[in-house]
Structure formats: structure tokens, C-alpha cells
PDB file of N, CA and C in Angstrom:
ATOM      1  N   MET A   1     -11.123  89.051 303.503  1.00  0.00           N
ATOM      2  CA  MET A   1     -11.778  88.122 302.616  1.00  0.00           C
ATOM      3  C   MET A   1     -11.288  86.720 302.947  1.00  0.00           C
ATOM      4  N   CYS A   2     -12.193  85.760 302.907  1.00  0.00           N
ATOM      5  CA  CYS A   2     -11.856  84.365 303.149  1.00  0.00           C
ATOM      6  C   CYS A   2     -11.900  83.606 301.835  1.00  0.00           C
ATOM      7  N   LEU A   3     -11.070  82.609 301.739  1.00  0.00           N
ATOM      8  CA  LEU A   3     -11.041  81.770 300.550  1.00  0.00           C
ATOM      9  C   LEU A   3     -11.005  80.322 300.993  1.00  0.00           C
ATOM     10  N   ALA A   4     -11.910  79.519 300.473  1.00  0.00           N
ATOM     11  CA  ALA A   4     -11.927  78.083 300.754  1.00  0.00           C
ATOM     12  C   ALA A   4     -11.611  77.358 299.447  1.00  0.00           C
ATOM     13  N   ILE A   5     -10.743  76.376 299.530  1.00  0.00           N
ATOM     14  CA  ILE A   5     -10.288  75.635 298.353  1.00  0.00           C
ATOM     15  C   ILE A   5     -10.870  74.229 298.402  1.00  0.00           C
ATOM     16  N   PRO A   6     -11.446  73.744 297.287  1.00  0.00           N
ATOM     17  CA  PRO A   6     -11.970  72.382 297.275  1.00  0.00           C
ATOM     18  C   PRO A   6     -10.864  71.347 297.101  1.00  0.00           C
ATOM     19  N   GLY A   7     -11.040  70.222 297.777  1.00  0.00           N
ATOM     20  CA  GLY A   7     -10.120  69.099 297.655  1.00  0.00           C
ATOM     21  C   GLY A   7     -10.856  67.800 297.913  1.00  0.00           C
ATOM     22  N   CYS A   8     -10.237  66.688 297.514  1.00  0.00           N
ATOM     23  CA  CYS A   8     -10.855  65.373 297.639  1.00  0.00           C
ATOM     24  C   CYS A   8     -10.239  64.606 298.807  1.00  0.00           C
ATOM     25  N   VAL A   9     -11.088  64.056 299.661  1.00  0.00           N
ATOM     26  CA  VAL A   9     -10.650  63.311 300.834  1.00  0.00           C
ATOM     27  C   VAL A   9     -10.118  61.947 300.396  1.00  0.00           C
ATOM     28  N   LYS A  10      -8.867  61.662 300.728  1.00  0.00           N
ATOM     29  CA  LYS A  10      -8.218  60.411 300.323  1.00  0.00           C
ATOM     30  C   LYS A  10      -7.991  59.450 301.483  1.00  0.00           C
ATOM     31  N   GLU A  11      -7.819  59.966 302.698  1.00  0.00           N
ATOM     32  CA  GLU A  11      -7.618  59.131 303.884  1.00  0.00           C
ATOM     33  C   GLU A  11      -8.277  59.825 305.074  1.00  0.00           C
ATOM     34  N   ILE A  12      -8.785  59.022 305.993  1.00  0.00           N
ATOM     35  CA  ILE A  12      -9.373  59.568 307.222  1.00  0.00           C
ATOM     36  C   ILE A  12      -8.839  58.781 308.410  1.00  0.00           C
ATOM     37  N   GLU A  13      -8.392  59.533 309.433  1.00  0.00           N
ATOM     38  CA  GLU A  13      -7.962  58.926 310.689  1.00  0.00           C
ATOM     39  C   GLU A  13      -8.379  59.854 311.817  1.00  0.00           C
ATOM     40  N   ASP A  14      -9.324  59.394 312.611  1.00  0.00           N
ATOM     41  CA  ASP A  14      -9.899  60.201 313.688  1.00  0.00           C
ATOM     42  C   ASP A  14     -10.501  61.480 313.098  1.00  0.00           C
ATOM     43  N   ASN A  15     -10.085  62.637 313.577  1.00  0.00           N
ATOM     44  CA  ASN A  15     -10.621  63.912 313.082  1.00  0.00           C
ATOM     45  C   ASN A  15      -9.697  64.604 312.094  1.00  0.00           C
ATOM     46  N   VAL A  16      -8.856  63.816 311.420  1.00  0.00           N
ATOM     47  CA  VAL A  16      -7.921  64.364 310.440  1.00  0.00           C
ATOM     48  C   VAL A  16      -8.051  63.574 309.144  1.00  0.00           C
ATOM     49  N   ALA A  17      -8.006  64.282 308.031  1.00  0.00           N
ATOM     50  CA  ALA A  17      -8.058  63.626 306.725  1.00  0.00           C
ATOM     51  C   ALA A  17      -6.888  64.104 305.878  1.00  0.00           C
ATOM     52  N   LYS A  18      -6.418  63.246 304.991  1.00  0.00           N
ATOM     53  CA  LYS A  18      -5.499  63.679 303.951  1.00  0.00           C
ATOM     54  C   LYS A  18      -6.363  64.056 302.757  1.00  0.00           C
ATOM     55  N   VAL A  19      -6.229  65.310 302.344  1.00  0.00           N
ATOM     56  CA  VAL A  19      -7.045  65.850 301.269  1.00  0.00           C
ATOM     57  C   VAL A  19      -6.141  66.187 300.092  1.00  0.00           C
ATOM     58  N   ASP A  20      -6.571  65.786 298.905  1.00  0.00           N
ATOM     59  CA  ASP A  20      -5.812  66.000 297.677  1.00  0.00           C
ATOM     60  C   ASP A  20      -6.283  67.276 296.997  1.00  0.00           C
ATOM     61  N   PHE A  21      -5.336  68.159 296.732  1.00  0.00           N
ATOM     62  CA  PHE A  21      -5.581  69.409 296.011  1.00  0.00           C
ATOM     63  C   PHE A  21      -4.799  69.360 294.707  1.00  0.00           C
ATOM     64  N   GLY A  22      -5.310  68.649 293.730  1.00  0.00           N
ATOM     65  CA  GLY A  22      -4.645  68.586 292.428  1.00  0.00           C
ATOM     66  C   GLY A  22      -3.263  67.971 292.480  1.00  0.00           C
ATOM     67  N   GLY A  23      -3.085  66.936 293.283  1.00  0.00           N
ATOM     68  CA  GLY A  23      -1.797  66.257 293.387  1.00  0.00           C
ATOM     69  C   GLY A  23      -1.010  66.590 294.634  1.00  0.00           C
ATOM     70  N   VAL A  24      -1.401  67.629 295.332  1.00  0.00           N
ATOM     71  CA  VAL A  24      -0.757  68.004 296.589  1.00  0.00           C
ATOM     72  C   VAL A  24      -1.682  67.558 297.721  1.00  0.00           C
ATOM     73  N   ARG A  25      -1.150  66.762 298.639  1.00  0.00           N
ATOM     74  CA  ARG A  25      -1.962  66.270 299.762  1.00  0.00           C
ATOM     75  C   ARG A  25      -1.550  66.958 301.053  1.00  0.00           C
ATOM     76  N   ARG A  26      -2.571  67.336 301.812  1.00  0.00           N
ATOM     77  CA  ARG A  26      -2.357  67.996 303.100  1.00  0.00           C
ATOM     78  C   ARG A  26      -3.248  67.354 304.147  1.00  0.00           C
ATOM     79  N   ARG A  27      -2.779  67.413 305.398  1.00  0.00           N
ATOM     80  CA  ARG A  27      -3.576  66.936 306.531  1.00  0.00           C
ATOM     81  C   ARG A  27      -4.514  68.065 306.941  1.00  0.00           C
ATOM     82  N   ILE A  28      -5.816  67.747 307.014  1.00  0.00           N
ATOM     83  CA  ILE A  28      -6.848  68.747 307.243  1.00  0.00           C
ATOM     84  C   ILE A  28      -7.745  68.291 308.395  1.00  0.00           C
ATOM     85  N   GLY A  29      -8.089  69.200 309.283  1.00  0.00           N
ATOM     86  CA  GLY A  29      -9.029  68.895 310.351  1.00  0.00           C
ATOM     87  C   GLY A  29     -10.437  68.729 309.790  1.00  0.00           C
ATOM     88  N   ILE A  30     -11.126  67.666 310.221  1.00  0.00           N
ATOM     89  CA  ILE A  30     -12.474  67.411 309.703  1.00  0.00           C
ATOM     90  C   ILE A  30     -13.528  67.417 310.808  1.00  0.00           C
ATOM     91  N   GLY A  31     -13.207  67.956 311.963  1.00  0.00           N
ATOM     92  CA  GLY A  31     -14.149  67.983 313.077  1.00  0.00           C
ATOM     93  C   GLY A  31     -15.419  68.766 312.792  1.00  0.00           C
ATOM     94  N   LEU A  32     -15.381  69.708 311.849  1.00  0.00           N
ATOM     95  CA  LEU A  32     -16.559  70.517 311.522  1.00  0.00           C
ATOM     96  C   LEU A  32     -17.485  69.821 310.530  1.00  0.00           C
ATOM     97  N   VAL A  33     -17.018  68.732 309.919  1.00  0.00           N
ATOM     98  CA  VAL A  33     -17.819  67.980 308.941  1.00  0.00           C
ATOM     99  C   VAL A  33     -17.791  66.500 309.329  1.00  0.00           C
ATOM    100  N   PRO A  34     -18.475  66.140 310.426  1.00  0.00           N
ATOM    101  CA  PRO A  34     -18.352  64.795 310.992  1.00  0.00           C
ATOM    102  C   PRO A  34     -18.831  63.670 310.079  1.00  0.00           C
ATOM    103  N   ASP A  35     -19.660  63.959 309.079  1.00  0.00           N
ATOM    104  CA  ASP A  35     -20.178  62.912 308.195  1.00  0.00           C
ATOM    105  C   ASP A  35     -19.354  62.721 306.927  1.00  0.00           C
ATOM    106  N   VAL A  36     -18.184  63.339 306.847  1.00  0.00           N
ATOM    107  CA  VAL A  36     -17.353  63.239 305.642  1.00  0.00           C
ATOM    108  C   VAL A  36     -16.891  61.797 305.427  1.00  0.00           C
ATOM    109  N   LYS A  37     -16.807  61.391 304.157  1.00  0.00           N
ATOM    110  CA  LYS A  37     -16.384  60.039 303.797  1.00  0.00           C
ATOM    111  C   LYS A  37     -15.263  60.100 302.764  1.00  0.00           C
ATOM    112  N   LEU A  38     -14.551  58.971 302.608  1.00  0.00           N
ATOM    113  CA  LEU A  38     -13.532  58.879 301.565  1.00  0.00           C
ATOM    114  C   LEU A  38     -14.159  59.197 300.215  1.00  0.00           C
ATOM    115  N   GLY A  39     -13.448  59.994 299.423  1.00  0.00           N
ATOM    116  CA  GLY A  39     -13.935  60.362 298.104  1.00  0.00           C
ATOM    117  C   GLY A  39     -14.788  61.613 298.075  1.00  0.00           C
ATOM    118  N   ASP A  40     -15.225  62.090 299.244  1.00  0.00           N
ATOM    119  CA  ASP A  40     -15.991  63.336 299.295  1.00  0.00           C
ATOM    120  C   ASP A  40     -15.092  64.511 298.928  1.00  0.00           C
ATOM    121  N   TYR A  41     -15.717  65.546 298.401  1.00  0.00           N
ATOM    122  CA  TYR A  41     -15.032  66.817 298.184  1.00  0.00           C
ATOM    123  C   TYR A  41     -15.416  67.755 299.306  1.00  0.00           C
ATOM    124  N   VAL A  42     -14.423  68.450 299.838  1.00  0.00           N
ATOM    125  CA  VAL A  42     -14.649  69.386 300.933  1.00  0.00           C
ATOM    126  C   VAL A  42     -14.053  70.741 300.583  1.00  0.00           C
ATOM    127  N   LEU A  43     -14.655  71.786 301.136  1.00  0.00           N
ATOM    128  CA  LEU A  43     -14.073  73.119 301.042  1.00  0.00           C
ATOM    129  C   LEU A  43     -13.202  73.301 302.273  1.00  0.00           C
ATOM    130  N   VAL A  44     -11.956  73.719 302.057  1.00  0.00           N
ATOM    131  CA  VAL A  44     -10.980  73.829 303.134  1.00  0.00           C
ATOM    132  C   VAL A  44     -10.562  75.286 303.302  1.00  0.00           C
ATOM    133  N   HIS A  45     -10.635  75.741 304.542  1.00  0.00           N
ATOM    134  CA  HIS A  45     -10.189  77.089 304.893  1.00  0.00           C
ATOM    135  C   HIS A  45      -9.343  76.997 306.151  1.00  0.00           C
ATOM    136  N   ALA A  46      -8.159  77.551 306.098  1.00  0.00           N
ATOM    137  CA  ALA A  46      -7.258  77.633 307.254  1.00  0.00           C
ATOM    138  C   ALA A  46      -6.998  76.268 307.888  1.00  0.00           C
ATOM    139  N   GLY A  47      -6.880  75.238 307.044  1.00  0.00           N
ATOM    140  CA  GLY A  47      -6.528  73.922 307.553  1.00  0.00           C
ATOM    141  C   GLY A  47      -7.684  73.084 308.056  1.00  0.00           C
ATOM    142  N   PHE A  48      -8.912  73.558 307.858  1.00  0.00           N
ATOM    143  CA  PHE A  48     -10.093  72.834 308.317  1.00  0.00           C
ATOM    144  C   PHE A  48     -11.103  72.691 307.186  1.00  0.00           C
ATOM    145  N   ALA A  49     -11.675  71.498 307.056  1.00  0.00           N
ATOM    146  CA  ALA A  49     -12.786  71.304 306.135  1.00  0.00           C
ATOM    147  C   ALA A  49     -13.999  71.987 306.751  1.00  0.00           C
ATOM    148  N   ILE A  50     -14.654  72.860 305.980  1.00  0.00           N
ATOM    149  CA  ILE A  50     -15.789  73.608 306.528  1.00  0.00           C
ATOM    150  C   ILE A  50     -17.114  73.204 305.897  1.00  0.00           C
ATOM    151  N   GLN A  51     -17.051  72.460 304.780  1.00  0.00           N
ATOM    152  CA  GLN A  51     -18.286  72.054 304.125  1.00  0.00           C
ATOM    153  C   GLN A  51     -17.997  70.922 303.156  1.00  0.00           C
ATOM    154  N   VAL A  52     -18.911  69.957 303.057  1.00  0.00           N
ATOM    155  CA  VAL A  52     -18.838  68.919 302.034  1.00  0.00           C
ATOM    156  C   VAL A  52     -19.612  69.431 300.826  1.00  0.00           C
ATOM    157  N   VAL A  53     -19.017  69.289 299.629  1.00  0.00           N
ATOM    158  CA  VAL A  53     -19.670  69.712 298.382  1.00  0.00           C
ATOM    159  C   VAL A  53     -19.622  68.566 297.388  1.00  0.00           C
ATOM    160  N   ASP A  54     -20.514  68.595 296.397  1.00  0.00           N
ATOM    161  CA  ASP A  54     -20.467  67.558 295.372  1.00  0.00           C
ATOM    162  C   ASP A  54     -19.384  67.891 294.343  1.00  0.00           C
ATOM    163  N   PHE A  55     -19.090  66.922 293.477  1.00  0.00           N
ATOM    164  CA  PHE A  55     -18.019  67.078 292.497  1.00  0.00           C
ATOM    165  C   PHE A  55     -18.244  68.302 291.610  1.00  0.00           C
ATOM    166  N   GLU A  56     -19.478  68.493 291.161  1.00  0.00           N
ATOM    167  CA  GLU A  56     -19.770  69.604 290.252  1.00  0.00           C
ATOM    168  C   GLU A  56     -19.484  70.961 290.902  1.00  0.00           C
ATOM    169  N   GLU A  57     -19.868  71.099 292.174  1.00  0.00           N
ATOM    170  CA  GLU A  57     -19.593  72.348 292.883  1.00  0.00           C
ATOM    171  C   GLU A  57     -18.093  72.538 293.090  1.00  0.00           C
ATOM    172  N   ALA A  58     -17.389  71.471 293.438  1.00  0.00           N
ATOM    173  CA  ALA A  58     -15.935  71.565 293.601  1.00  0.00           C
ATOM    174  C   ALA A  58     -15.283  72.003 292.292  1.00  0.00           C
ATOM    175  N   GLN A  59     -15.717  71.419 291.187  1.00  0.00           N
ATOM    176  CA  GLN A  59     -15.152  71.767 289.875  1.00  0.00           C
ATOM    177  C   GLN A  59     -15.460  73.218 289.517  1.00  0.00           C
ATOM    178  N   ARG A  60     -16.681  73.656 289.802  1.00  0.00           N
ATOM    179  CA  ARG A  60     -17.065  75.050 289.523  1.00  0.00           C
ATOM    180  C   ARG A  60     -16.179  76.016 290.309  1.00  0.00           C
ATOM    181  N   GLN A  61     -15.936  75.703 291.574  1.00  0.00           N
ATOM    182  CA  GLN A  61     -15.086  76.564 292.399  1.00  0.00           C
ATOM    183  C   GLN A  61     -13.646  76.589 291.886  1.00  0.00           C
ATOM    184  N   LEU A  62     -13.121  75.411 291.514  1.00  0.00           N
ATOM    185  CA  LEU A  62     -11.754  75.357 290.963  1.00  0.00           C
ATOM    186  C   LEU A  62     -11.652  76.150 289.663  1.00  0.00           C
ATOM    187  N   ASP A  63     -12.671  76.055 288.821  1.00  0.00           N
ATOM    188  CA  ASP A  63     -12.674  76.824 287.571  1.00  0.00           C
ATOM    189  C   ASP A  63     -12.643  78.318 287.852  1.00  0.00           C
ATOM    190  N   LEU A  64     -13.411  78.776 288.852  1.00  0.00           N
ATOM    191  CA  LEU A  64     -13.397  80.193 289.218  1.00  0.00           C
ATOM    192  C   LEU A  64     -12.031  80.631 289.737  1.00  0.00           C
ATOM    193  N   ILE A  65     -11.415  79.793 290.557  1.00  0.00           N
ATOM    194  CA  ILE A  65     -10.082  80.121 291.082  1.00  0.00           C
ATOM    195  C   ILE A  65      -9.076  80.224 289.943  1.00  0.00           C
ATOM    196  N   ARG A  66      -9.131  79.279 288.998  1.00  0.00           N
ATOM    197  CA  ARG A  66      -8.220  79.326 287.840  1.00  0.00           C
ATOM    198  C   ARG A  66      -8.445  80.587 287.010  1.00  0.00           C
ATOM    199  N   GLN A  67      -9.709  80.957 286.822  1.00  0.00           N
ATOM    200  CA  GLN A  67     -10.022  82.157 286.047  1.00  0.00           C
ATOM    201  C   GLN A  67      -9.476  83.405 286.731  1.00  0.00           C
ATOM    202  N   ILE A  68      -9.671  83.493 288.033  1.00  0.00           N
ATOM    203  CA  ILE A  68      -9.157  84.637 288.783  1.00  0.00           C
ATOM    204  C   ILE A  68      -7.635  84.700 288.669  1.00  0.00           C
ATOM    205  N   ALA A  69      -6.982  83.552 288.812  1.00  0.00           N
ATOM    206  CA  ALA A  69      -5.514  83.513 288.738  1.00  0.00           C
ATOM    207  C   ALA A  69      -5.022  83.916 287.346  1.00  0.00           C
ATOM    208  N   SER A  70      -5.714  83.494 286.305  1.00  0.00           N
ATOM    209  CA  SER A  70      -5.255  83.824 284.953  1.00  0.00           C
ATOM    210  C   SER A  70      -5.501  85.290 284.614  1.00  0.00           C
ATOM    211  N   ASP A  71      -6.510  85.910 285.252  1.00  0.00           N
ATOM    212  CA  ASP A  71      -6.817  87.325 285.013  1.00  0.00           C
ATOM    213  C   ASP A  71      -5.951  88.265 285.843  1.00  0.00           C
ATOM    214  N   ALA A  72      -5.286  87.728 286.858  1.00  0.00           N
ATOM    215  CA  ALA A  72      -4.493  88.573 287.763  1.00  0.00           C
ATOM    216  C   ALA A  72      -3.262  89.110 287.043  1.00  0.00           C
ATOM    217  N   GLU A  73      -2.955  90.345 287.334  1.00  0.00           N
ATOM    218  CA  GLU A  73      -1.744  90.928 286.764  1.00  0.00           C
ATOM    219  C   GLU A  73      -0.547  90.528 287.594  1.00  0.00           C
ATOM    220  N   PRO A  74       0.602  90.349 286.938  1.00  0.00           N
ATOM    221  CA  PRO A  74       1.798  89.954 287.692  1.00  0.00           C
ATOM    222  C   PRO A  74       2.172  90.997 288.733  1.00  0.00           C
ATOM    223  N   LEU A  75       2.703  90.542 289.848  1.00  0.00           N
ATOM    224  CA  LEU A  75       3.170  91.451 290.879  1.00  0.00           C
ATOM    225  C   LEU A  75       4.474  92.094 290.445  1.00  0.00           C
ATOM    226  N   GLU A  76       4.648  93.332 290.836  1.00  0.00           N
ATOM    227  CA  GLU A  76       5.915  94.003 290.565  1.00  0.00           C
ATOM    228  C   GLU A  76       6.847  93.781 291.744  1.00  0.00           C
ATOM    229  N   GLU A  77       8.111  93.550 291.427  1.00  0.00           N
ATOM    230  CA  GLU A  77       9.094  93.362 292.502  1.00  0.00           C
ATOM    231  C   GLU A  77       9.361  94.707 293.146  1.00  0.00           C
ATOM    232  N   THR A  78       9.363  94.715 294.481  1.00  0.00           N
ATOM    233  CA  THR A  78       9.656  95.943 295.214  1.00  0.00           C
ATOM    234  C   THR A  78      10.810  95.679 296.164  1.00  0.00           C
ATOM    235  N   THR A  79      11.447  96.734 296.551  1.00  0.00           N
ATOM    236  CA  THR A  79      12.516  96.615 297.537  1.00  0.00           C
ATOM    237  C   THR A  79      12.142  97.461 298.737  1.00  0.00           C
ATOM    238  N   ASN A  80      12.486  96.963 299.897  1.00  0.00           N
ATOM    239  CA  ASN A  80      12.239  97.716 301.116  1.00  0.00           C
ATOM    240  C   ASN A  80      13.472  98.534 301.437  1.00  0.00           C
ATOM    241  N   GLY A  81      13.254  99.766 301.729  1.00  0.00           N
ATOM    242  CA  GLY A  81      14.393 100.523 302.172  1.00  0.00           C
ATOM    243  C   GLY A  81      14.460 101.811 301.598  1.00  0.00           C
TER     244      GLY A  81
END
């Protein structure tokens, strides 16, 4: 299964952008979305922006991720051996 996380483009330099994910900024490859601009929201998978989305779609995706995380049951600690 693949998961793409939405983030907001804050800086662009060549084919790399600094993308904000709720206060955490990461350097992301933007070669697959050549028309991206500052302030755009992008879906990021494996360190690459794969699609530009509007704010409403980004918010909808973040809401779904939060819902999934809140519904998840805690992991049990296991030991190897």
C-alpha cells in the first residue's frame, strides 16, 4: 500500500522544495510536478511530490489520516528471542 501525505510548498530551488507538514519542513523532489508554485499543496510519497492538489483536497486527506490514526489500536510491545 502507498501513502501520500499533503504538505504546503514554502521554498523552491531548482527541482527541490521545502514542504511544510504541519510545522515540520522537509526537502522534497518536485521534478514530477514542474508547474508547482510557492503556496501550492502537494501530495508527497517517498520524498517526491507526485501531484498538486487544492487546499480543500489537502485538508480532506489530512482529516482522513487523522481519523485513521485515532481509530488505530495501540501496538503491543514485543520482544525478539
